[in-house]
Amino acid sequence: MSWGVYWMFYRCPDCGKKFKSGADTITEAAFGRCPACGAEGKLVGESGGVCPPDAMDYEDTAD
């Protein structure tokens, strides 16, 4: 049985973009990095912990 992707929600400290990275991509160089400017994002929540109240507004960075 699969429970789906474990999401980590980020906000870019440089450009303010909201995005999420799946834990299944943690070994990739782009993990936790802003898809718009490449800056390292600030973790604001996790799907297994405290999700942000506006979780649906975060861009999915999965290919």
N, C-alpha and C. Protein backbone atom coordinates (compact mmCIF):
# COMPACT_ATOMS: atom_id res chain seq x y z
N MET A 1 0.84 -1.18 0.00
CA MET A 1 0.00 0.00 0.00
C MET A 1 0.89 1.24 0.00
N SER A 2 0.54 2.20 -0.82
CA SER A 2 1.31 3.44 -0.91
C SER A 2 0.49 4.59 -0.34
N TRP A 3 1.16 5.41 0.41
CA TRP A 3 0.51 6.58 1.00
C TRP A 3 0.78 7.84 0.17
N GLY A 4 1.56 7.72 -0.88
CA GLY A 4 1.86 8.87 -1.72
C GLY A 4 3.15 9.54 -1.32
N VAL A 5 3.41 10.66 -1.93
CA VAL A 5 4.66 11.41 -1.73
C VAL A 5 4.63 12.15 -0.40
N TYR A 6 5.77 12.15 0.28
CA TYR A 6 5.94 12.94 1.50
C TYR A 6 6.46 14.30 1.03
N TRP A 7 5.65 15.33 1.18
CA TRP A 7 5.99 16.67 0.69
C TRP A 7 6.67 17.50 1.76
N MET A 8 7.63 18.29 1.31
CA MET A 8 8.29 19.29 2.15
C MET A 8 8.02 20.63 1.47
N PHE A 9 7.42 21.55 2.22
CA PHE A 9 6.98 22.84 1.69
C PHE A 9 8.02 23.92 2.00
N TYR A 10 8.34 24.71 0.98
CA TYR A 10 9.36 25.73 1.10
C TYR A 10 8.86 27.08 0.61
N ARG A 11 9.50 28.13 1.12
CA ARG A 11 9.30 29.49 0.61
C ARG A 11 10.69 30.03 0.30
N CYS A 12 10.84 30.61 -0.88
CA CYS A 12 12.14 31.15 -1.28
C CYS A 12 12.41 32.47 -0.54
N PRO A 13 13.56 32.56 0.13
CA PRO A 13 13.88 33.80 0.84
C PRO A 13 14.27 34.94 -0.11
N ASP A 14 14.63 34.60 -1.35
CA ASP A 14 15.04 35.63 -2.31
C ASP A 14 13.88 36.21 -3.11
N CYS A 15 13.05 35.33 -3.71
CA CYS A 15 11.98 35.83 -4.58
C CYS A 15 10.57 35.62 -4.01
N GLY A 16 10.45 34.88 -2.90
CA GLY A 16 9.16 34.69 -2.25
C GLY A 16 8.29 33.57 -2.81
N LYS A 17 8.76 32.86 -3.84
CA LYS A 17 7.98 31.79 -4.44
C LYS A 17 7.72 30.67 -3.43
N LYS A 18 6.50 30.12 -3.48
CA LYS A 18 6.13 28.97 -2.64
C LYS A 18 6.21 27.72 -3.50
N PHE A 19 6.92 26.70 -3.01
CA PHE A 19 7.07 25.47 -3.76
C PHE A 19 7.21 24.29 -2.82
N LYS A 20 7.05 23.09 -3.37
CA LYS A 20 7.18 21.89 -2.55
C LYS A 20 8.05 20.88 -3.29
N SER A 21 8.82 20.12 -2.51
CA SER A 21 9.68 19.08 -3.04
C SER A 21 9.31 17.77 -2.37
N GLY A 22 9.22 16.70 -3.16
CA GLY A 22 8.92 15.38 -2.62
C GLY A 22 10.16 14.75 -2.03
N ALA A 23 10.02 14.06 -0.91
CA ALA A 23 11.14 13.40 -0.26
C ALA A 23 11.77 12.34 -1.16
N ASP A 24 11.02 11.88 -2.17
CA ASP A 24 11.57 10.89 -3.10
C ASP A 24 12.63 11.49 -4.01
N THR A 25 12.80 12.82 -3.99
CA THR A 25 13.81 13.49 -4.81
C THR A 25 14.94 14.08 -3.97
N ILE A 26 15.04 13.66 -2.73
CA ILE A 26 16.00 14.25 -1.79
C ILE A 26 17.46 14.13 -2.25
N THR A 27 17.77 13.15 -3.07
CA THR A 27 19.15 12.98 -3.54
C THR A 27 19.47 13.83 -4.76
N GLU A 28 18.49 14.51 -5.32
CA GLU A 28 18.71 15.35 -6.49
C GLU A 28 19.23 16.72 -6.08
N ALA A 29 20.07 17.30 -6.91
CA ALA A 29 20.68 18.60 -6.61
C ALA A 29 19.65 19.72 -6.46
N ALA A 30 18.52 19.62 -7.16
CA ALA A 30 17.50 20.67 -7.12
C ALA A 30 16.57 20.57 -5.91
N PHE A 31 16.71 19.53 -5.10
CA PHE A 31 15.82 19.34 -3.95
C PHE A 31 15.90 20.55 -3.01
N GLY A 32 14.74 21.12 -2.69
CA GLY A 32 14.66 22.25 -1.77
C GLY A 32 15.12 23.57 -2.35
N ARG A 33 15.38 23.60 -3.64
CA ARG A 33 15.82 24.83 -4.30
C ARG A 33 14.67 25.42 -5.10
N CYS A 34 14.59 26.73 -5.10
CA CYS A 34 13.53 27.45 -5.79
C CYS A 34 13.57 27.18 -7.28
N PRO A 35 12.44 26.78 -7.88
CA PRO A 35 12.41 26.53 -9.33
C PRO A 35 12.51 27.82 -10.15
N ALA A 36 12.28 28.97 -9.54
CA ALA A 36 12.33 30.24 -10.26
C ALA A 36 13.73 30.86 -10.27
N CYS A 37 14.41 30.86 -9.10
CA CYS A 37 15.70 31.55 -9.03
C CYS A 37 16.85 30.66 -8.56
N GLY A 38 16.56 29.45 -8.08
CA GLY A 38 17.61 28.52 -7.68
C GLY A 38 18.12 28.67 -6.26
N ALA A 39 17.59 29.63 -5.52
CA ALA A 39 18.03 29.82 -4.12
C ALA A 39 17.55 28.67 -3.25
N GLU A 40 18.25 28.41 -2.17
CA GLU A 40 17.82 27.38 -1.22
C GLU A 40 16.60 27.88 -0.48
N GLY A 41 15.53 27.08 -0.51
CA GLY A 41 14.28 27.48 0.14
C GLY A 41 14.31 27.32 1.64
N LYS A 42 13.43 28.05 2.31
CA LYS A 42 13.27 27.94 3.76
C LYS A 42 12.10 26.97 4.01
N LEU A 43 12.35 25.91 4.75
CA LEU A 43 11.33 24.92 5.06
C LEU A 43 10.24 25.54 5.92
N VAL A 44 8.98 25.41 5.49
CA VAL A 44 7.86 25.98 6.24
C VAL A 44 6.86 24.93 6.70
N GLY A 45 7.03 23.68 6.27
CA GLY A 45 6.12 22.63 6.69
C GLY A 45 6.38 21.32 5.98
N GLU A 46 5.74 20.27 6.48
CA GLU A 46 5.89 18.93 5.91
C GLU A 46 4.53 18.24 5.90
N SER A 47 4.33 17.35 4.93
CA SER A 47 3.04 16.66 4.83
C SER A 47 2.80 15.70 5.99
N GLY A 48 3.83 15.23 6.64
CA GLY A 48 3.66 14.33 7.78
C GLY A 48 3.65 15.05 9.10
N GLY A 49 3.81 16.34 9.08
CA GLY A 49 3.85 17.16 10.29
C GLY A 49 2.85 18.29 10.18
N VAL A 50 3.35 19.48 10.26
CA VAL A 50 2.49 20.66 10.16
C VAL A 50 2.56 21.20 8.74
N CYS A 51 1.48 20.98 8.00
CA CYS A 51 1.37 21.52 6.64
C CYS A 51 1.00 23.00 6.72
N PRO A 52 1.47 23.80 5.77
CA PRO A 52 1.01 25.19 5.73
C PRO A 52 -0.48 25.22 5.42
N PRO A 53 -1.22 26.19 5.95
CA PRO A 53 -2.66 26.25 5.71
C PRO A 53 -3.01 26.44 4.23
N ASP A 54 -2.10 27.00 3.46
CA ASP A 54 -2.34 27.23 2.04
C ASP A 54 -1.55 26.24 1.18
N ALA A 55 -1.45 24.99 1.61
CA ALA A 55 -0.61 23.97 0.96
C ALA A 55 -0.92 23.80 -0.53
N MET A 56 -2.13 24.02 -0.95
CA MET A 56 -2.49 23.87 -2.36
C MET A 56 -1.89 24.98 -3.24
N ASP A 57 -1.40 26.04 -2.64
CA ASP A 57 -0.81 27.15 -3.38
C ASP A 57 0.67 26.94 -3.70
N TYR A 58 1.26 25.84 -3.22
CA TYR A 58 2.68 25.59 -3.42
C TYR A 58 2.91 24.83 -4.71
N GLU A 59 3.83 25.34 -5.54
CA GLU A 59 4.13 24.70 -6.82
C GLU A 59 4.83 23.37 -6.61
N ASP A 60 4.42 22.37 -7.34
CA ASP A 60 5.02 21.05 -7.32
C ASP A 60 6.26 21.09 -8.20
N THR A 61 7.43 20.78 -7.63
CA THR A 61 8.66 20.82 -8.41
C THR A 61 9.02 19.49 -9.05
N ALA A 62 8.17 18.48 -8.92
CA ALA A 62 8.42 17.18 -9.54
C ALA A 62 8.32 17.30 -11.05
N ASP A 63 9.16 16.54 -11.73
CA ASP A 63 9.16 16.57 -13.21
C ASP A 63 8.00 15.81 -13.76
